[in-house]
Protein backbone atom coordinates (compact mmCIF):
# COMPACT_ATOMS: atom_id res chain seq x y z
CA MET A 1 110.61 114.01 108.77
CA SER A 2 111.21 111.90 110.92
CA PRO A 3 109.29 110.73 114.03
CA SER A 4 111.60 111.69 116.13
CA ALA A 5 111.85 115.50 114.31
CA ASP A 6 108.21 114.50 114.95
CA LEU A 7 107.60 114.44 118.32
CA HIS A 8 110.52 116.73 119.12
CA ASN A 9 108.28 119.79 117.36
CA LEU A 10 104.98 118.56 119.06
CA VAL A 11 106.31 119.14 122.62
CA HIS A 12 107.62 122.74 121.47
CA ALA A 13 104.66 123.04 119.83
CA LEU A 14 103.41 123.18 123.03
CA THR A 15 102.16 126.45 126.14
CA ALA A 16 102.82 126.38 129.50
CA SER A 17 99.33 125.02 130.31
CA GLU A 18 99.73 122.27 127.73
CA LYS A 19 102.01 120.89 129.48
CA ARG A 20 100.50 120.84 132.31
CA TYR A 21 97.82 119.07 131.69
CA VAL A 22 99.75 116.56 129.83
CA ARG A 23 101.35 115.59 133.29
CA ARG A 24 97.84 116.37 135.00
CA VAL A 25 96.18 113.44 132.25
CA ALA A 26 99.87 110.82 132.56
CA SER A 27 99.62 110.89 135.80
CA LEU A 28 95.75 110.78 136.75
CA SER A 29 95.20 107.98 133.86
CA GLY A 30 96.07 104.96 136.34
CA ARG A 31 98.74 103.75 133.23
CA ASP A 32 102.69 103.29 132.90
CA THR A 33 103.86 106.96 133.09
CA SER A 34 107.06 106.14 131.76
CA TRP A 35 107.04 108.05 128.84
CA LEU A 36 106.84 110.92 130.80
CA VAL A 37 110.24 110.96 131.41
CA LEU A 38 110.89 110.87 127.68
CA PHE A 39 107.84 114.26 126.77
CA ASP A 40 110.92 115.97 130.14
CA ALA A 41 113.55 114.99 128.89
CA ILE A 42 112.65 116.00 125.80
CA ASN A 43 111.37 119.25 126.60
CA THR A 44 114.76 120.56 128.11
CA GLN A 45 116.08 119.97 124.27
CA SER A 46 116.40 123.02 121.91
CA ALA A 47 117.95 120.66 118.88
CA PHE A 48 117.03 117.85 118.60
CA ASP A 49 119.77 115.17 120.27
CA ASP A 50 119.30 111.91 119.91
CA GLU A 51 122.72 111.20 121.31
CA GLU A 52 122.55 112.99 124.33
CA LEU A 53 118.81 112.27 124.97
CA ARG A 54 120.10 108.56 124.54
CA ALA A 55 122.91 109.35 127.38
CA ARG A 56 120.20 111.32 129.93
CA LEU A 57 117.50 108.29 129.93
CA ASN A 58 120.87 106.38 130.85
CA ASN A 59 119.39 103.24 132.09
CA HIS A 60 115.95 103.40 131.87
CA PRO A 61 113.68 100.54 130.61
CA MET A 62 112.52 102.36 127.64
CA LEU A 63 116.57 102.34 126.02
CA GLY A 64 115.77 99.18 124.87
CA ASN A 65 113.41 99.72 122.29
CA LEU A 66 113.14 104.11 122.21
CA SER A 67 111.15 104.13 118.61
CA LEU A 68 108.55 102.55 119.89
CA ALA A 69 108.92 104.75 123.04
CA LYS A 70 108.49 107.71 120.96
CA LYS A 71 105.84 106.84 119.25
CA TYR A 72 103.78 105.95 122.64
CA THR A 73 104.60 109.25 123.80
CA TYR A 74 103.72 111.13 120.70
CA ASN A 75 100.10 109.55 119.97
CA ASN A 76 99.58 110.60 123.67
CA VAL A 77 100.32 113.81 124.00
CA MET A 78 98.28 113.74 121.00
CA ARG A 79 94.71 112.12 123.27
CA ALA A 80 95.97 114.53 126.20
CA LEU A 81 95.32 117.68 123.30
CA ARG A 82 92.71 116.68 121.96
CA MET A 83 90.87 115.99 125.76
CA TYR A 84 92.61 119.73 126.45
CA GLY A 85 90.99 121.24 123.04
CA THR A 86 93.68 122.10 121.29
CA GLY A 87 93.01 123.24 118.16
CA ARG A 88 89.13 122.32 118.37
CA ASP A 89 87.54 124.38 115.54
CA ILE A 90 83.90 124.49 114.47
CA ASP A 91 84.53 121.38 112.57
CA SER A 92 84.61 119.67 115.58
CA GLN A 93 81.71 120.90 118.08
CA LEU A 94 79.74 120.13 114.67
CA ALA A 95 81.29 116.85 114.34
CA ASP A 96 80.33 116.53 118.72
CA HIS A 97 76.20 117.05 117.84
CA VAL A 98 76.22 114.22 115.19
CA GLU A 99 78.05 111.43 118.17
CA ASN A 100 75.84 112.78 120.12
CA TYR A 101 72.85 112.19 117.50
CA LYS A 102 74.09 108.90 116.34
CA VAL A 103 74.33 107.96 120.49
CA LEU A 104 70.56 109.04 121.24
CA GLN A 105 69.23 107.69 117.83
CA SER A 106 70.92 103.86 118.79
CA LYS A 107 68.97 104.22 122.24
CA GLY A 108 65.30 105.00 120.73
CA LEU A 109 65.63 108.74 122.43
CA HIS A 110 64.24 110.00 118.84
CA ASP A 111 62.80 113.01 120.05
CA GLN A 112 65.77 114.38 121.91
CA ALA A 113 68.33 113.44 118.60
CA ARG A 114 65.47 115.21 116.41
CA VAL A 115 65.73 118.61 118.80
CA VAL A 116 70.16 117.34 118.41
CA LEU A 117 69.81 117.35 114.78
CA HIS A 118 68.00 121.12 114.96
CA ARG A 119 70.31 122.27 116.45
CA LEU A 120 73.05 120.94 114.08
CA ARG A 121 71.76 121.84 111.05
CA SER A 122 70.96 125.51 112.55
CA GLU A 123 74.85 125.55 114.06
CA ALA A 124 76.13 124.27 110.07
CA LEU A 125 74.15 126.74 108.20
CA SER A 126 75.17 130.13 110.28
CA HIS A 127 79.24 128.59 109.66
CA ASP A 128 78.24 128.40 106.37
CA ALA A 129 78.72 123.59 106.68
CA PHE A 130 76.57 123.31 103.93
CA LEU A 131 77.84 119.30 103.84
CA LYS A 132 76.38 119.11 107.32
CA VAL A 133 73.47 120.63 106.13
CA PHE A 134 72.77 118.07 103.64
CA TRP A 135 73.51 115.50 105.72
CA THR A 136 70.76 116.50 109.41
CA ILE A 137 67.96 116.64 105.85
CA VAL A 138 69.22 113.48 105.13
CA CYS A 139 68.30 112.26 107.72
CA GLU A 140 65.34 113.85 108.48
CA PHE A 141 64.06 112.48 105.31
CA GLY A 142 64.61 109.25 105.96
CA ALA A 143 62.93 109.01 109.71
CA GLY A 144 60.27 110.21 107.56
CA VAL A 145 60.48 107.34 104.59
CA HIS A 146 59.23 105.62 107.17
CA SER A 147 56.55 107.31 109.02
CA THR A 148 52.35 105.96 107.58
CA GLU A 149 50.83 109.97 109.35
CA ARG A 150 49.76 111.18 106.13
CA ALA A 151 51.61 114.35 107.06
CA ALA A 152 55.22 112.52 106.21
CA ILE A 153 54.61 113.90 102.33
CA ASP A 154 53.88 117.52 103.34
CA HIS A 155 56.95 116.79 105.37
CA LEU A 156 59.45 114.94 102.53
CA THR A 157 58.25 117.80 100.32
CA SER A 158 59.56 120.29 102.75
CA PHE A 159 62.34 118.45 103.10
CA LEU A 160 63.10 117.78 98.63
CA ALA A 161 63.18 121.83 98.83
CA MET A 162 64.89 122.37 102.21
CA GLN A 163 67.68 120.30 99.39
CA GLN A 164 67.51 122.24 96.37
CA ASP A 165 67.93 125.42 98.44
CA THR A 166 71.14 123.33 100.49
CA LEU A 167 73.00 123.39 96.23
CA ALA A 168 71.70 126.16 95.43
CA CYS A 169 73.40 128.02 98.70
CA MET A 170 76.28 125.51 97.70
CA GLN A 171 76.53 126.45 94.12
CA ASN A 172 76.78 130.19 94.99
CA TYR A 173 78.75 129.91 97.72
CA THR A 174 81.85 128.65 95.17
CA PHE A 175 80.53 131.57 92.98
CA THR A 176 80.60 134.50 94.43
CA ALA A 177 83.94 133.17 96.09
CA GLY A 178 85.73 132.70 92.64
CA ILE A 179 84.95 136.05 91.15
CA TYR A 180 86.35 136.98 94.29
CA PHE A 181 89.43 135.24 94.18
CA LYS A 182 90.45 135.93 90.02
CA GLN A 183 90.05 139.09 90.64
CA ARG A 184 91.92 139.04 93.93
CA ILE A 185 94.94 137.83 91.97
CA ILE A 186 94.95 139.92 90.10
CA LEU A 187 95.27 142.68 92.07
CA ARG A 188 97.67 141.26 94.11
CA HIS A 189 100.34 142.24 91.25
CA ARG A 190 97.69 145.21 89.74
CA PRO A 191 96.42 147.70 92.53
CA SER A 192 93.94 149.69 90.08
CA ALA A 193 92.54 149.33 86.40
CA ARG A 194 94.25 152.36 84.45
CA THR A 195 93.57 151.11 80.58
CA THR A 196 90.38 150.29 78.74
CA ASN A 197 91.89 146.47 78.27
CA GLU A 198 92.56 145.97 82.45
CA LYS A 199 89.11 148.01 83.25
CA ALA A 200 87.68 145.56 80.68
CA GLU A 201 89.17 142.27 82.24
CA LEU A 202 88.36 143.27 85.43
CA THR A 203 84.37 144.06 83.93
CA GLU A 204 83.78 140.90 82.03
CA ILE A 205 84.51 139.34 85.62
CA VAL A 206 82.95 140.55 88.46
CA SER A 207 79.76 141.53 85.65
CA PRO A 208 78.04 138.61 86.85
CA LEU A 209 77.65 139.97 89.59
CA LEU A 210 77.26 143.84 88.45
CA ASN A 211 73.77 142.14 86.19
CA ASP A 212 72.23 140.53 89.46
CA PRO A 213 72.98 141.98 92.03
CA ASP A 214 70.02 140.74 93.89
CA ILE A 215 71.35 137.29 93.72
CA GLU A 216 69.47 135.06 96.45
CA LEU A 217 70.23 132.34 98.66
CA LEU A 218 73.85 134.45 99.62
CA SER A 219 74.80 133.12 103.11
CA ASP A 220 76.73 135.01 105.15
CA THR A 221 80.15 133.45 103.23
CA ALA A 222 79.15 134.15 100.17
CA ARG A 223 77.50 137.66 101.40
CA THR A 224 81.45 137.96 102.37
CA PHE A 225 83.02 136.81 99.28
CA TYR A 226 80.56 139.47 97.19
CA ASN A 227 80.74 143.07 99.08
CA LEU A 228 84.83 142.72 98.57
CA ALA A 229 84.65 141.65 95.31
CA LEU A 230 82.44 144.50 94.70
CA GLY A 231 83.75 146.66 97.22
CA ASP A 232 87.50 145.16 95.41
CA TYR A 233 86.12 145.45 91.39
CA TRP A 234 84.95 149.32 92.00
CA GLU A 235 88.10 150.99 94.17
CA ALA A 236 90.20 149.47 90.99
CA MET A 237 87.92 151.93 88.83
CA GLY A 238 89.06 154.43 90.39
CA LEU A 239 86.27 155.20 92.16
CA PRO A 240 85.87 154.86 95.81
CA GLU A 241 83.23 155.98 96.97
CA LYS A 242 80.97 153.66 94.88
CA ALA A 243 83.34 150.45 96.65
CA LEU A 244 82.51 152.20 100.04
CA PRO A 245 79.54 151.37 101.06
CA TYR A 246 81.00 147.56 100.41
CA TYR A 247 83.37 147.98 103.31
CA ASN A 248 81.22 149.96 105.27
CA THR A 249 79.34 146.95 106.53
CA PHE A 250 82.57 145.51 107.70
CA VAL A 251 83.79 147.92 109.61
CA HIS A 252 81.87 147.24 112.90
CA GLU A 253 83.70 146.50 116.79
CA GLU A 254 81.84 143.73 116.41
CA VAL A 255 83.78 142.16 114.80
CA LEU A 256 86.86 142.43 117.12
CA ASP A 257 84.58 140.19 119.83
CA LEU A 258 84.91 137.65 117.09
CA PRO A 259 86.53 134.37 117.96
CA ILE A 260 90.48 134.35 115.37
CA GLY A 261 90.86 130.05 114.36
CA PRO A 262 91.79 128.62 111.39
CA PHE A 263 88.00 128.82 110.16
CA ASP A 264 87.40 132.14 110.92
CA SER A 265 90.00 133.63 108.86
CA LEU A 266 87.69 135.75 107.35
CA HIS A 267 85.89 137.19 109.89
CA LEU A 268 89.81 138.80 110.28
CA ALA A 269 89.21 138.69 106.04
CA LYS A 270 87.04 141.43 106.29
CA PHE A 271 87.61 144.11 108.60
CA THR A 272 91.24 143.78 107.54
CA ASN A 273 90.62 144.87 104.23
CA ALA A 274 87.79 146.92 104.48
CA MET A 275 90.39 149.01 106.97
CA PHE A 276 93.41 149.27 104.52
CA PHE A 277 90.78 150.55 102.23
CA ARG A 278 89.37 153.07 104.14
CA LEU A 279 93.26 153.88 104.37
CA ARG A 280 94.12 154.00 101.32
CA ASN A 281 91.71 156.12 100.34
CA ASN A 282 92.10 158.83 103.39
CA ILE A 283 88.35 157.77 104.50
CA THR A 284 89.55 158.48 108.16
CA GLU A 285 85.82 159.85 109.91
CA GLY A 286 85.74 156.91 113.07
CA LEU A 287 88.77 154.87 112.23
CA ASP A 288 90.12 156.20 115.32
CA ASP A 289 87.47 155.65 117.84
CA ILE A 290 88.29 151.66 116.19
CA ILE A 291 91.70 151.48 116.29
CA MET A 292 90.96 152.54 120.40
CA SER A 293 89.10 149.66 120.36
CA LEU A 294 91.10 147.19 118.91
CA ARG A 295 94.24 148.39 121.60
CA LYS A 296 91.82 147.60 124.51
CA ARG A 297 90.95 144.34 123.62
CA VAL A 298 94.59 143.65 123.19
CA GLY A 299 95.55 143.19 126.81
CA VAL A 300 98.73 143.10 128.06
CA ILE A 301 101.14 141.38 126.08
CA PRO A 302 103.22 138.66 128.84
CA PRO A 303 107.42 139.52 128.34
CA SER A 304 107.89 135.94 127.33
CA GLY A 305 106.04 132.88 126.02
CA SER A 306 103.63 131.95 123.19
CA LEU A 307 101.14 134.53 122.90
CA PRO A 308 97.80 133.45 121.74
CA THR A 309 96.53 133.77 118.49
CA VAL A 310 93.52 136.74 118.82
CA GLN A 311 95.86 138.79 121.01
CA VAL A 312 98.73 138.26 118.28
CA TRP A 313 96.48 139.82 115.76
CA ARG A 314 94.56 142.78 117.84
CA TYR A 315 97.86 143.78 118.02
CA GLU A 316 99.45 143.21 114.96
CA ARG A 317 96.34 145.33 113.12
CA TRP A 318 95.82 148.07 116.15
CA ILE A 319 99.64 148.84 115.61
CA VAL A 320 100.12 149.12 111.80
CA PHE A 321 96.40 150.78 111.43
CA SER A 322 97.45 153.52 113.57
CA VAL A 323 100.61 154.15 112.34
CA LEU A 324 99.40 154.33 108.37
CA LEU A 325 96.42 156.75 110.61
CA MET A 326 98.95 158.86 111.60
CA ASN A 327 100.94 159.26 108.43
CA CYS A 328 98.16 159.95 106.42
CA GLU A 329 96.63 162.73 108.50
CA GLY A 330 100.73 163.97 108.43
CA ARG A 331 101.70 162.83 112.04
CA GLU A 332 104.47 161.63 110.93
CA ARG A 333 105.97 162.15 114.12
CA ASP A 334 103.29 161.17 116.33
CA ALA A 335 104.21 157.98 114.25
CA ARG A 336 107.61 157.82 114.57
CA ALA A 337 106.90 158.31 118.75
CA LEU A 338 104.44 155.27 119.24
CA LEU A 339 106.57 152.85 117.86
CA SER A 340 109.92 153.88 119.92
CA SER A 341 107.48 153.45 122.77
CA GLU A 342 106.05 149.82 121.77
CA GLN A 343 109.84 148.74 120.37
CA ARG A 344 110.19 145.73 123.36
CA THR A 345 106.41 144.91 123.08
CA LEU A 346 106.61 144.91 118.40
CA ASN A 347 110.08 142.58 119.50
CA ARG A 348 107.98 139.73 121.44
CA VAL A 349 104.98 140.20 118.44
CA ARG A 350 107.20 139.96 115.84
CA PRO A 351 107.75 136.32 115.25
CA GLN A 352 104.02 135.82 115.53
CA MET A 353 103.15 138.75 113.02
CA SER A 354 101.10 137.29 109.99
CA LYS A 355 103.31 138.07 106.94
CA LYS A 356 100.88 140.09 105.14
CA ILE A 357 101.05 143.01 107.93
CA ALA A 358 104.06 142.03 108.88
CA LEU A 359 104.76 143.44 105.22
CA GLN A 360 101.89 146.48 105.55
CA PHE A 361 103.89 147.59 108.70
CA GLN A 362 107.73 147.99 107.58
CA LEU A 363 106.50 150.44 104.02
CA ALA A 364 104.72 152.20 106.63
CA GLN A 365 107.56 152.69 108.37
CA ILE A 366 108.98 152.96 105.59
CA ARG A 367 107.04 156.42 105.17
CA THR A 368 106.84 156.85 109.10
CA LEU A 369 111.51 157.04 109.19
CA TYR A 370 111.48 158.77 105.85
CA ALA A 371 109.17 161.46 106.81
CA VAL A 372 111.51 162.29 110.09
CA GLY A 373 114.75 162.21 108.60
CA GLU A 374 115.61 158.64 110.13
CA THR A 375 116.33 158.20 105.51
CA GLN A 376 118.36 155.24 106.97
CA GLU A 377 117.04 152.91 109.26
CA ALA A 378 114.37 153.67 105.72
CA ALA A 379 116.94 152.20 103.34
CA TYR A 380 117.86 149.12 105.42
CA LEU A 381 113.92 148.06 105.50
CA ALA A 382 113.49 148.37 102.54
CA GLU A 383 116.28 146.66 101.03
CA GLU A 384 114.49 144.32 103.15
CA ILE A 385 111.66 143.90 101.90
CA VAL A 386 113.62 143.81 98.03
CA ASN A 387 116.10 141.40 99.37
CA ASN A 388 113.08 138.76 100.27
CA GLU A 389 110.15 139.41 98.94
CA ASP A 390 108.50 137.70 95.67
CA THR A 391 109.24 139.69 92.71
CA ASN A 392 105.36 139.79 91.37
CA ALA A 393 104.59 141.23 94.46
CA ILE A 394 103.34 144.44 94.79
CA GLU A 395 105.32 144.98 98.13
CA TYR A 396 108.09 144.96 96.39
CA THR A 397 107.74 147.20 94.12
CA ILE A 398 106.61 149.87 95.75
CA ALA A 399 109.59 149.03 98.39
CA LEU A 400 112.45 149.07 95.22
CA VAL A 401 111.17 152.06 94.66
CA GLY A 402 111.14 153.53 97.94
CA LEU A 403 114.45 152.72 98.11
CA LEU A 404 115.58 154.50 94.63
CA LEU A 405 114.48 157.12 97.05
CA VAL A 406 115.99 157.24 99.68
CA LYS A 407 120.07 156.05 98.17
CA TYR A 408 119.17 159.67 96.17
CA ASP A 409 118.51 161.36 99.46
CA LEU A 410 121.38 159.57 100.94
CA LYS A 411 123.47 160.36 97.95
CA SER A 412 124.86 157.36 97.62
CA TYR A 413 124.82 157.69 93.70
CA ASP A 414 127.24 154.30 93.51
CA ASP A 415 123.45 151.93 94.37
CA LEU A 416 121.87 154.02 92.03
CA ASP A 417 122.68 153.06 88.69
CA LEU A 418 122.14 149.82 89.52
CA LEU A 419 119.05 150.07 91.27
CA LEU A 420 118.04 152.07 88.17
CA ARG A 421 118.53 149.58 86.09
CA SER A 422 117.25 147.39 87.83
CA ALA A 423 113.79 148.91 88.55
CA LYS A 424 113.09 149.99 85.24
CA HIS A 425 114.05 146.11 84.52
CA HIS A 426 111.28 145.30 86.51
CA LEU A 427 108.57 148.08 85.67
CA GLY A 428 109.26 147.44 82.00
CA SER A 429 108.08 144.05 81.85
CA ARG A 430 105.24 145.96 83.47
CA LYS A 431 104.20 148.17 81.56
CA HIS A 432 100.66 149.05 82.53
CA TYR A 433 100.70 147.49 86.15
CA HIS A 434 102.69 150.45 88.18
CA ARG A 435 102.32 153.78 86.24
CA SER A 436 102.62 156.49 89.89
CA GLU A 437 105.67 153.78 90.10
CA ARG A 438 107.42 153.82 86.36
CA ALA A 439 106.90 158.06 87.14
CA ILE A 440 109.28 157.90 90.06
CA VAL A 441 111.93 155.94 88.01
CA GLN A 442 111.90 157.68 85.48
CA GLY A 443 112.08 161.18 87.96
CA ILE A 444 115.15 159.76 89.53
CA GLY A 445 116.77 159.32 86.22
CA LYS A 446 116.04 162.31 85.17
CA LEU A 447 117.65 164.04 88.43
CA LEU A 448 121.07 162.01 88.21
CA ARG A 449 121.01 163.68 84.84
CA CYS A 450 120.94 166.73 86.46
CA THR A 451 123.83 169.06 86.62
CA THR A 452 122.98 172.45 88.77
CA THR A 453 120.36 172.92 91.68
CA ALA A 454 118.06 174.90 89.48
CA GLU A 455 117.68 171.88 87.03
CA GLN A 456 116.88 169.28 89.94
CA ASN A 457 114.09 171.50 91.50
CA THR A 458 112.86 171.60 87.72
CA VAL A 459 112.40 168.65 87.79
CA ARG A 460 111.04 168.08 91.39
CA SER A 461 108.25 170.33 90.58
CA GLU A 462 107.36 168.36 87.22
CA SER A 463 106.62 165.48 89.43
CA ARG A 464 104.14 165.13 91.89
CA TYR A 465 105.72 161.33 91.94
CA THR A 466 109.13 161.92 94.05
CA HIS A 467 107.40 162.92 97.65
CA PRO A 468 107.36 160.82 100.47
CA SER A 469 103.42 159.61 100.74
CA PHE A 470 103.26 158.33 97.12
CA LEU A 471 104.00 155.03 99.72
CA PRO A 472 100.67 153.33 99.42
CA THR A 473 98.92 150.37 101.65
CA GLY A 474 99.05 148.03 99.49
CA ARG A 475 95.79 145.05 99.60
């Protein structure tokens, strides 16, 4: 991107409070504030227009070197945002501890520096920031090397052991994470293992965890990957009762109050995956309370402006879990009523919804609308996924087969022939991936060849897959 586009995008990414803070910092700094003229001018532009900008600035001195003024403005905005704390995460907090430690050490305040170092190591350990942990150990190790006390030998020995434990934690972290992600990639395209070969493939990936269930020196994050990997494995093998204990560790109200930022996504993933698991397998006991707690934490959605990330993730999960739970319990009409009552808020939140949740929500809507007889609306949503989603994604397959059912009910026979061929071609290259979906496609093909109502009833009775409840919650 050009510097002009970068500055425009940065200014328009700020919240109202951040813009106020930028102006306040400029006015209090005692430095040149002429750049605020450019900041305010760009803030009023919906799309960057260099000619309009020059006309608005008229004879302002900065027009003599507008490129330099843009760079100066960009740097000042970034400086203000850093002071405001925008984008701060655990790495920023740990970096502050490092700087505090260095300052105290340089002043000879070694006892105070050691307290900061211990605090840094404790926080780094709790967030799996292994490099920072290793750095603190090296610092203490270095201090011990120069000690003349006999007791320093014991300290050095313990520091060496801590180094080895940290390295082991790092290795186990990458080991368990690798297993989880390898299996998850397969399950994104093939949600269950049905054949002997499919089961053998998953078992080979997960076997290190199955053969050594008590791996030592697992960090909190590695333990999460461990539980998710085994939960996914047992569900894919068709044994949800074995998967349940691994997922149950993530479904509790405390997770709803955890911070949500770029480095907190694992909290989100484990809670979301656990909820989807229980809804997929119709294990609904206690979910009402969790969903109600989620709604209480959403708060009031403001009528305009960018929404806080934590508010978006709470709301989007509340609405999708609510609709899915009602569908699981056969309360599709209640789900439809909820969608209607939340329409205005949904329009506010939808642009900021995460892609995965947005897809699951759309599939839940399709099932709800189809069940209550709003077939045309269901067709529209299914077509939207089919036209825009990656063909390798499970959501594409679900939407494609769902669209077949909807089009058949709408008697859109002109579209059905082409759609049926497309579905057969799509599933034909994935012979073992989607057996239930292939059964639906075959059932639709048989129905199209029927010439009497009696023949149609016979085909329907032979296939349990032609019922709209086939639409599951995907991964």
